[in-house]
Amino acid sequence: MAKKKSAILTKKKNKVEDKIVKMPEKSSNITLTFYSDDRWNNWITQVKESGFEFKDDEEDIGNGGEVFVNMEDDVILACLKVIAKYNNNELGSEEAFDAISEIKEVVLKPINSINESIDLMLDSLQTSLIGVFASGECYIDGGYESTDDLPTLVKNAVAAEETNDPGIAIGYVAVIGAHVFNGAELGEDLFNDLPYGLVAEWMDGIDSISAAMMGDDSYKNDEADSE
């Protein structure tokens, strides 16, 4: 999730579902639930109770914005559980794809307005997570090559966004994220001079995947748990 107040306040308030070309829908083949409506709604309740508002004297979101960071991390953890079960052959490719899709359906649904600051933060969070979901789908589908050059992919994504083709841009970002799910590390050079926009927000989600994978990896042995 983009964390700079100045950037978030200047972003357009577009519907999340209008920002990318949707992946084809697949019928569900899974019986496990990795992320529930109740879990997401509990986070929305915490966000409301936080009373978060941007402060004029703060450059970033400050301590009051930690709920959004934790909220994003919780969704990414659910995705990592799916990927871990896929890697362990506990889920087939269609089951894993469906599991990511079901998490996406819960998280990207419209959210009723709370206040301007919170609305902007939630919009930013959802946008960042689009990159995470697309990356998970790309990883499961094997839509990446060992020879892919990550800096070139970033440049291509930015170029696609500049020509108003977000569907192509998210494809490049998804390949980068797939490499991260496969263990690749993100160099700081990938974020140097990255212009603010959809690609920057999607890349922020990819960066959050990388950070989560460098932390506690106990999720690899966790059972699916929606609560």
C-alpha atoms as a PDB file:
ATOM      1  CA  MET A   1       0.000   0.000   0.000  1.00  0.00           C
ATOM      2  CA  ALA A   2       1.360   3.402  -0.926  1.00  0.00           C
ATOM      3  CA  LYS A   3       2.228   5.139   2.312  1.00  0.00           C
ATOM      4  CA  LYS A   4       3.023   8.726   1.294  1.00  0.00           C
ATOM      5  CA  LYS A   5       0.195  11.060   2.151  1.00  0.00           C
ATOM      6  CA  SER A   6       0.961  13.466  -0.686  1.00  0.00           C
ATOM      7  CA  ALA A   7       0.767  10.665  -3.245  1.00  0.00           C
ATOM      8  CA  ILE A   8      -2.421   9.146  -1.898  1.00  0.00           C
ATOM      9  CA  LEU A   9      -4.237  12.466  -1.765  1.00  0.00           C
ATOM     10  CA  THR A  10      -3.491  13.185  -5.421  1.00  0.00           C
ATOM     11  CA  LYS A  11      -4.600   9.814  -6.776  1.00  0.00           C
ATOM     12  CA  LYS A  12      -7.873   9.536  -8.664  1.00  0.00           C
ATOM     13  CA  LYS A  13     -10.772   7.863  -6.932  1.00  0.00           C
ATOM     14  CA  ASN A  14     -11.579   5.247  -9.580  1.00  0.00           C
ATOM     15  CA  LYS A  15     -13.376   2.004  -8.860  1.00  0.00           C
ATOM     16  CA  VAL A  16     -10.869  -0.775  -8.315  1.00  0.00           C
ATOM     17  CA  GLU A  17     -12.660  -3.123 -10.668  1.00  0.00           C
ATOM     18  CA  ASP A  18     -12.250  -0.588 -13.513  1.00  0.00           C
ATOM     19  CA  LYS A  19      -8.452  -0.460 -13.228  1.00  0.00           C
ATOM     20  CA  ILE A  20      -7.524  -3.769 -14.809  1.00  0.00           C
ATOM     21  CA  VAL A  21      -8.750  -6.286 -17.321  1.00  0.00           C
ATOM     22  CA  LYS A  22     -10.410  -9.024 -15.288  1.00  0.00           C
ATOM     23  CA  MET A  23      -9.102 -12.572 -15.458  1.00  0.00           C
ATOM     24  CA  PRO A  24     -11.543 -15.152 -16.862  1.00  0.00           C
ATOM     25  CA  GLU A  25     -13.779 -16.568 -14.165  1.00  0.00           C
ATOM     26  CA  LYS A  26     -13.341 -20.214 -13.216  1.00  0.00           C
ATOM     27  CA  SER A  27     -15.741 -22.426 -11.327  1.00  0.00           C
ATOM     28  CA  SER A  28     -14.553 -23.162  -7.809  1.00  0.00           C
ATOM     29  CA  ASN A  29     -12.826 -26.503  -7.260  1.00  0.00           C
ATOM     30  CA  ILE A  30     -11.808 -26.011  -3.626  1.00  0.00           C
ATOM     31  CA  THR A  31     -13.342 -26.924  -0.291  1.00  0.00           C
ATOM     32  CA  LEU A  32     -10.906 -24.917   1.871  1.00  0.00           C
ATOM     33  CA  THR A  33     -11.486 -21.290   2.810  1.00  0.00           C
ATOM     34  CA  PHE A  34      -8.374 -19.140   3.111  1.00  0.00           C
ATOM     35  CA  TYR A  35     -10.044 -15.767   3.644  1.00  0.00           C
ATOM     36  CA  SER A  36     -13.640 -15.086   4.638  1.00  0.00           C
ATOM     37  CA  ASP A  37     -16.024 -12.156   4.384  1.00  0.00           C
ATOM     38  CA  ASP A  38     -16.128 -12.113   8.182  1.00  0.00           C
ATOM     39  CA  ARG A  39     -12.367 -11.738   8.404  1.00  0.00           C
ATOM     40  CA  TRP A  40     -12.369  -8.843   5.932  1.00  0.00           C
ATOM     41  CA  ASN A  41     -15.343  -7.176   7.630  1.00  0.00           C
ATOM     42  CA  ASN A  42     -13.562  -7.408  10.973  1.00  0.00           C
ATOM     43  CA  TRP A  43     -10.725  -5.380   9.471  1.00  0.00           C
ATOM     44  CA  ILE A  44     -13.184  -2.834   8.090  1.00  0.00           C
ATOM     45  CA  THR A  45     -14.633  -2.499  11.605  1.00  0.00           C
ATOM     46  CA  GLN A  46     -11.139  -1.912  13.032  1.00  0.00           C
ATOM     47  CA  VAL A  47     -10.494   0.706  10.373  1.00  0.00           C
ATOM     48  CA  LYS A  48     -13.726   2.517  11.283  1.00  0.00           C
ATOM     49  CA  GLU A  49     -12.879   2.394  14.977  1.00  0.00           C
ATOM     50  CA  SER A  50      -9.408   3.797  14.292  1.00  0.00           C
ATOM     51  CA  GLY A  51     -10.927   7.111  13.236  1.00  0.00           C
ATOM     52  CA  PHE A  52      -7.919   7.561  10.951  1.00  0.00           C
ATOM     53  CA  GLU A  53      -7.397  10.969   9.371  1.00  0.00           C
ATOM     54  CA  PHE A  54      -4.442  12.496   7.583  1.00  0.00           C
ATOM     55  CA  LYS A  55      -2.562  15.105   9.594  1.00  0.00           C
ATOM     56  CA  ASP A  56      -1.273  18.205   7.853  1.00  0.00           C
ATOM     57  CA  ASP A  57       2.086  17.956   9.611  1.00  0.00           C
ATOM     58  CA  GLU A  58       2.702  14.283   8.767  1.00  0.00           C
ATOM     59  CA  GLU A  59       4.595  13.185   5.664  1.00  0.00           C
ATOM     60  CA  ASP A  60       3.446   9.573   5.871  1.00  0.00           C
ATOM     61  CA  ILE A  61       0.498   7.784   7.398  1.00  0.00           C
ATOM     62  CA  GLY A  62       1.914   7.785  10.938  1.00  0.00           C
ATOM     63  CA  ASN A  63       1.155   5.339  13.733  1.00  0.00           C
ATOM     64  CA  GLY A  64      -2.586   5.612  13.199  1.00  0.00           C
ATOM     65  CA  GLY A  65      -2.183   4.011   9.801  1.00  0.00           C
ATOM     66  CA  GLU A  66      -0.725   0.754  11.115  1.00  0.00           C
ATOM     67  CA  VAL A  67      -4.146  -0.886  10.849  1.00  0.00           C
ATOM     68  CA  PHE A  68      -3.961  -0.597   7.053  1.00  0.00           C
ATOM     69  CA  VAL A  69      -0.485  -2.140   6.949  1.00  0.00           C
ATOM     70  CA  ASN A  70      -1.619  -5.014   9.174  1.00  0.00           C
ATOM     71  CA  MET A  71      -4.752  -5.421   7.086  1.00  0.00           C
ATOM     72  CA  GLU A  72      -2.721  -5.751   3.896  1.00  0.00           C
ATOM     73  CA  ASP A  73      -0.253  -8.148   5.515  1.00  0.00           C
ATOM     74  CA  ASP A  74      -3.128 -10.375   6.664  1.00  0.00           C
ATOM     75  CA  VAL A  75      -4.422 -10.709   3.095  1.00  0.00           C
ATOM     76  CA  ILE A  76      -0.929 -11.409   1.767  1.00  0.00           C
ATOM     77  CA  LEU A  77      -0.460 -14.092   4.432  1.00  0.00           C
ATOM     78  CA  ALA A  78      -3.613 -15.819   3.196  1.00  0.00           C
ATOM     79  CA  CYS A  79      -2.218 -15.766  -0.347  1.00  0.00           C
ATOM     80  CA  LEU A  80       1.094 -17.163   0.881  1.00  0.00           C
ATOM     81  CA  LYS A  81      -0.758 -20.043   2.540  1.00  0.00           C
ATOM     82  CA  VAL A  82      -2.356 -20.868  -0.804  1.00  0.00           C
ATOM     83  CA  ILE A  83       1.007 -20.747  -2.579  1.00  0.00           C
ATOM     84  CA  ALA A  84       2.606 -22.925   0.121  1.00  0.00           C
ATOM     85  CA  LYS A  85      -0.081 -25.596  -0.241  1.00  0.00           C
ATOM     86  CA  TYR A  86       0.303 -25.430  -4.006  1.00  0.00           C
ATOM     87  CA  ASN A  87       4.080 -25.863  -3.693  1.00  0.00           C
ATOM     88  CA  ASN A  88       3.547 -28.819  -1.347  1.00  0.00           C
ATOM     89  CA  ASN A  89       1.150 -30.433  -3.847  1.00  0.00           C
ATOM     90  CA  GLU A  90      -1.701 -30.146  -1.358  1.00  0.00           C
ATOM     91  CA  LEU A  91      -3.587 -28.043  -3.911  1.00  0.00           C
ATOM     92  CA  GLY A  92      -3.626 -28.544  -7.652  1.00  0.00           C
ATOM     93  CA  SER A  93      -3.171 -25.601  -9.979  1.00  0.00           C
ATOM     94  CA  GLU A  94      -6.912 -25.104 -10.541  1.00  0.00           C
ATOM     95  CA  GLU A  95      -7.644 -25.350  -6.828  1.00  0.00           C
ATOM     96  CA  ALA A  96      -4.885 -22.862  -5.989  1.00  0.00           C
ATOM     97  CA  PHE A  97      -6.024 -20.471  -8.717  1.00  0.00           C
ATOM     98  CA  ASP A  98      -9.578 -20.651  -7.397  1.00  0.00           C
ATOM     99  CA  ALA A  99      -8.369 -20.043  -3.839  1.00  0.00           C
ATOM    100  CA  ILE A 100      -6.568 -16.848  -4.889  1.00  0.00           C
ATOM    101  CA  SER A 101      -9.642 -15.802  -6.874  1.00  0.00           C
ATOM    102  CA  GLU A 102     -11.899 -16.293  -3.862  1.00  0.00           C
ATOM    103  CA  ILE A 103      -9.643 -14.148  -1.680  1.00  0.00           C
ATOM    104  CA  LYS A 104      -9.679 -11.514  -4.421  1.00  0.00           C
ATOM    105  CA  GLU A 105     -13.474 -11.548  -4.578  1.00  0.00           C
ATOM    106  CA  VAL A 106     -13.700 -10.880  -0.842  1.00  0.00           C
ATOM    107  CA  VAL A 107     -11.095  -8.112  -0.757  1.00  0.00           C
ATOM    108  CA  LEU A 108     -11.905  -6.161  -3.922  1.00  0.00           C
ATOM    109  CA  LYS A 109     -15.628  -5.780  -3.419  1.00  0.00           C
ATOM    110  CA  PRO A 110     -16.849  -2.151  -3.050  1.00  0.00           C
ATOM    111  CA  ILE A 111     -16.582  -0.648   0.426  1.00  0.00           C
ATOM    112  CA  ASN A 112     -19.096   1.846   1.748  1.00  0.00           C
ATOM    113  CA  SER A 113     -17.648   5.312   2.341  1.00  0.00           C
ATOM    114  CA  ILE A 114     -16.310   5.917   5.855  1.00  0.00           C
ATOM    115  CA  ASN A 115     -14.455   9.224   5.627  1.00  0.00           C
ATOM    116  CA  GLU A 116     -12.211  10.827   3.016  1.00  0.00           C
ATOM    117  CA  SER A 117      -8.918   9.773   4.599  1.00  0.00           C
ATOM    118  CA  ILE A 118      -9.977   6.187   5.232  1.00  0.00           C
ATOM    119  CA  ASP A 119     -11.592   5.895   1.819  1.00  0.00           C
ATOM    120  CA  LEU A 120      -8.335   6.946   0.152  1.00  0.00           C
ATOM    121  CA  MET A 121      -6.296   4.522   2.228  1.00  0.00           C
ATOM    122  CA  LEU A 122      -8.626   1.602   1.513  1.00  0.00           C
ATOM    123  CA  ASP A 123      -8.624   2.418  -2.192  1.00  0.00           C
ATOM    124  CA  SER A 124      -4.826   2.473  -2.135  1.00  0.00           C
ATOM    125  CA  LEU A 125      -4.731  -0.819  -0.222  1.00  0.00           C
ATOM    126  CA  GLN A 126      -7.078  -2.548  -2.657  1.00  0.00           C
ATOM    127  CA  THR A 127      -5.066  -1.251  -5.593  1.00  0.00           C
ATOM    128  CA  SER A 128      -1.818  -2.589  -4.112  1.00  0.00           C
ATOM    129  CA  LEU A 129      -3.438  -5.971  -3.535  1.00  0.00           C
ATOM    130  CA  ILE A 130      -4.457  -6.204  -7.188  1.00  0.00           C
ATOM    131  CA  GLY A 131      -0.742  -6.645  -7.885  1.00  0.00           C
ATOM    132  CA  VAL A 132      -0.550  -9.379  -5.255  1.00  0.00           C
ATOM    133  CA  PHE A 133      -3.486 -11.353  -6.650  1.00  0.00           C
ATOM    134  CA  ALA A 134      -2.298 -11.040 -10.251  1.00  0.00           C
ATOM    135  CA  SER A 135       1.137 -12.251  -9.153  1.00  0.00           C
ATOM    136  CA  GLY A 136      -0.292 -15.273  -7.378  1.00  0.00           C
ATOM    137  CA  GLU A 137      -2.319 -16.219 -10.442  1.00  0.00           C
ATOM    138  CA  CYS A 138       0.722 -15.755 -12.690  1.00  0.00           C
ATOM    139  CA  TYR A 139       2.875 -17.919 -10.402  1.00  0.00           C
ATOM    140  CA  ILE A 140       0.318 -20.727 -10.328  1.00  0.00           C
ATOM    141  CA  ASP A 141      -0.170 -20.581 -14.091  1.00  0.00           C
ATOM    142  CA  GLY A 142       3.589 -20.636 -14.649  1.00  0.00           C
ATOM    143  CA  GLY A 143       3.422 -17.452 -16.687  1.00  0.00           C
ATOM    144  CA  TYR A 144       7.040 -16.405 -16.151  1.00  0.00           C
ATOM    145  CA  GLU A 145      10.511 -17.443 -17.309  1.00  0.00           C
ATOM    146  CA  SER A 146      13.801 -17.783 -15.436  1.00  0.00           C
ATOM    147  CA  THR A 147      15.362 -15.429 -17.998  1.00  0.00           C
ATOM    148  CA  ASP A 148      12.959 -12.560 -17.243  1.00  0.00           C
ATOM    149  CA  ASP A 149      14.760  -9.302 -16.417  1.00  0.00           C
ATOM    150  CA  LEU A 150      12.908  -7.581 -13.578  1.00  0.00           C
ATOM    151  CA  PRO A 151      14.096  -3.995 -14.268  1.00  0.00           C
ATOM    152  CA  THR A 152      12.996  -4.364 -17.903  1.00  0.00           C
ATOM    153  CA  LEU A 153       9.609  -5.646 -16.771  1.00  0.00           C
ATOM    154  CA  VAL A 154       9.168  -2.591 -14.553  1.00  0.00           C
ATOM    155  CA  LYS A 155      10.058  -0.261 -17.425  1.00  0.00           C
ATOM    156  CA  ASN A 156       7.634  -2.079 -19.713  1.00  0.00           C
ATOM    157  CA  ALA A 157       4.872  -1.838 -17.106  1.00  0.00           C
ATOM    158  CA  VAL A 158       5.398   1.905 -16.685  1.00  0.00           C
ATOM    159  CA  ALA A 159       5.430   2.375 -20.473  1.00  0.00           C
ATOM    160  CA  ALA A 160       2.155   0.451 -20.773  1.00  0.00           C
ATOM    161  CA  GLU A 161       0.545   2.576 -18.075  1.00  0.00           C
ATOM    162  CA  GLU A 162       1.723   5.756 -19.810  1.00  0.00           C
ATOM    163  CA  THR A 163      -0.050   4.592 -22.975  1.00  0.00           C
ATOM    164  CA  ASN A 164      -3.237   3.965 -20.966  1.00  0.00           C
ATOM    165  CA  ASP A 165      -3.059   0.185 -21.156  1.00  0.00           C
ATOM    166  CA  PRO A 166      -3.404  -1.012 -17.542  1.00  0.00           C
ATOM    167  CA  GLY A 167      -4.197  -4.553 -18.664  1.00  0.00           C
ATOM    168  CA  ILE A 168      -0.743  -4.893 -20.227  1.00  0.00           C
ATOM    169  CA  ALA A 169       0.883  -3.086 -17.290  1.00  0.00           C
ATOM    170  CA  ILE A 170      -0.567  -5.435 -14.677  1.00  0.00           C
ATOM    171  CA  GLY A 171       0.657  -8.373 -16.757  1.00  0.00           C
ATOM    172  CA  TYR A 172       4.253  -7.189 -16.449  1.00  0.00           C
ATOM    173  CA  VAL A 173       3.849  -6.527 -12.721  1.00  0.00           C
ATOM    174  CA  ALA A 174       2.302  -9.974 -12.241  1.00  0.00           C
ATOM    175  CA  VAL A 175       5.396 -11.598 -13.756  1.00  0.00           C
ATOM    176  CA  ILE A 176       7.604  -9.662 -11.321  1.00  0.00           C
ATOM    177  CA  GLY A 177       5.432 -10.813  -8.414  1.00  0.00           C
ATOM    178  CA  ALA A 178       5.493 -14.404  -9.652  1.00  0.00           C
ATOM    179  CA  HIS A 179       9.279 -14.303  -9.449  1.00  0.00           C
ATOM    180  CA  VAL A 180       8.989 -13.009  -5.869  1.00  0.00           C
ATOM    181  CA  PHE A 181       6.664 -15.883  -4.964  1.00  0.00           C
ATOM    182  CA  ASN A 182       9.372 -18.114  -6.460  1.00  0.00           C
ATOM    183  CA  GLY A 183      11.972 -16.635  -4.117  1.00  0.00           C
ATOM    184  CA  ALA A 184      13.433 -13.746  -6.122  1.00  0.00           C
ATOM    185  CA  GLU A 185      14.596 -10.697  -4.179  1.00  0.00           C
ATOM    186  CA  LEU A 186      13.657  -7.178  -5.193  1.00  0.00           C
ATOM    187  CA  GLY A 187      16.537  -4.767  -5.655  1.00  0.00           C
ATOM    188  CA  GLU A 188      16.138  -1.155  -4.605  1.00  0.00           C
ATOM    189  CA  ASP A 189      16.825  -0.147  -8.202  1.00  0.00           C
ATOM    190  CA  LEU A 190      13.402  -1.446  -9.193  1.00  0.00           C
ATOM    191  CA  PHE A 191      11.796   1.386  -7.256  1.00  0.00           C
ATOM    192  CA  ASN A 192      14.187   4.187  -8.228  1.00  0.00           C
ATOM    193  CA  ASP A 193      12.399   6.960 -10.102  1.00  0.00           C
ATOM    194  CA  LEU A 194       9.223   4.907 -10.306  1.00  0.00           C
ATOM    195  CA  PRO A 195       6.508   7.444 -11.195  1.00  0.00           C
ATOM    196  CA  TYR A 196       3.454   7.497  -8.987  1.00  0.00           C
ATOM    197  CA  GLY A 197       0.527   5.656 -10.497  1.00  0.00           C
ATOM    198  CA  LEU A 198      -1.028   2.218 -10.719  1.00  0.00           C
ATOM    199  CA  VAL A 199       2.281   0.471 -11.414  1.00  0.00           C
ATOM    200  CA  ALA A 200       3.840   2.086  -8.337  1.00  0.00           C
ATOM    201  CA  GLU A 201       0.931   0.944  -6.174  1.00  0.00           C
ATOM    202  CA  TRP A 202       0.981  -2.575  -7.604  1.00  0.00           C
ATOM    203  CA  MET A 203       4.741  -2.723  -7.044  1.00  0.00           C
ATOM    204  CA  ASP A 204       4.168  -1.671  -3.444  1.00  0.00           C
ATOM    205  CA  GLY A 205       2.031  -4.801  -3.078  1.00  0.00           C
ATOM    206  CA  ILE A 206       4.826  -6.891  -4.594  1.00  0.00           C
ATOM    207  CA  ASP A 207       7.278  -5.348  -2.135  1.00  0.00           C
ATOM    208  CA  SER A 208       4.933  -6.364   0.691  1.00  0.00           C
ATOM    209  CA  ILE A 209       4.983  -9.979  -0.555  1.00  0.00           C
ATOM    210  CA  SER A 210       8.778  -9.913  -0.464  1.00  0.00           C
ATOM    211  CA  ALA A 211       8.794  -8.488   3.071  1.00  0.00           C
ATOM    212  CA  ALA A 212       6.319 -11.113   4.287  1.00  0.00           C
ATOM    213  CA  MET A 213       8.365 -13.951   2.816  1.00  0.00           C
ATOM    214  CA  MET A 214      11.487 -12.763   4.632  1.00  0.00           C
ATOM    215  CA  GLY A 215       9.676 -12.937   7.961  1.00  0.00           C
ATOM    216  CA  ASP A 216       8.217 -15.864   9.898  1.00  0.00           C
ATOM    217  CA  ASP A 217       7.509 -18.694   7.460  1.00  0.00           C
ATOM    218  CA  SER A 218       5.282 -20.708   9.791  1.00  0.00           C
ATOM    219  CA  TYR A 219       2.430 -20.036   7.348  1.00  0.00           C
ATOM    220  CA  LYS A 220       3.904 -22.824   5.190  1.00  0.00           C
ATOM    221  CA  ASN A 221       2.598 -25.379   7.658  1.00  0.00           C
ATOM    222  CA  ASP A 222      -0.640 -23.612   8.603  1.00  0.00           C
ATOM    223  CA  GLU A 223      -4.007 -25.082   7.798  1.00  0.00           C
ATOM    224  CA  ALA A 224      -6.496 -22.984   5.859  1.00  0.00           C
ATOM    225  CA  ASP A 225      -8.234 -20.817   8.427  1.00  0.00           C
ATOM    226  CA  SER A 226     -10.761 -18.174   7.547  1.00  0.00           C
ATOM    227  CA  GLU A 227     -11.126 -16.714  11.010  1.00  0.00           C
END
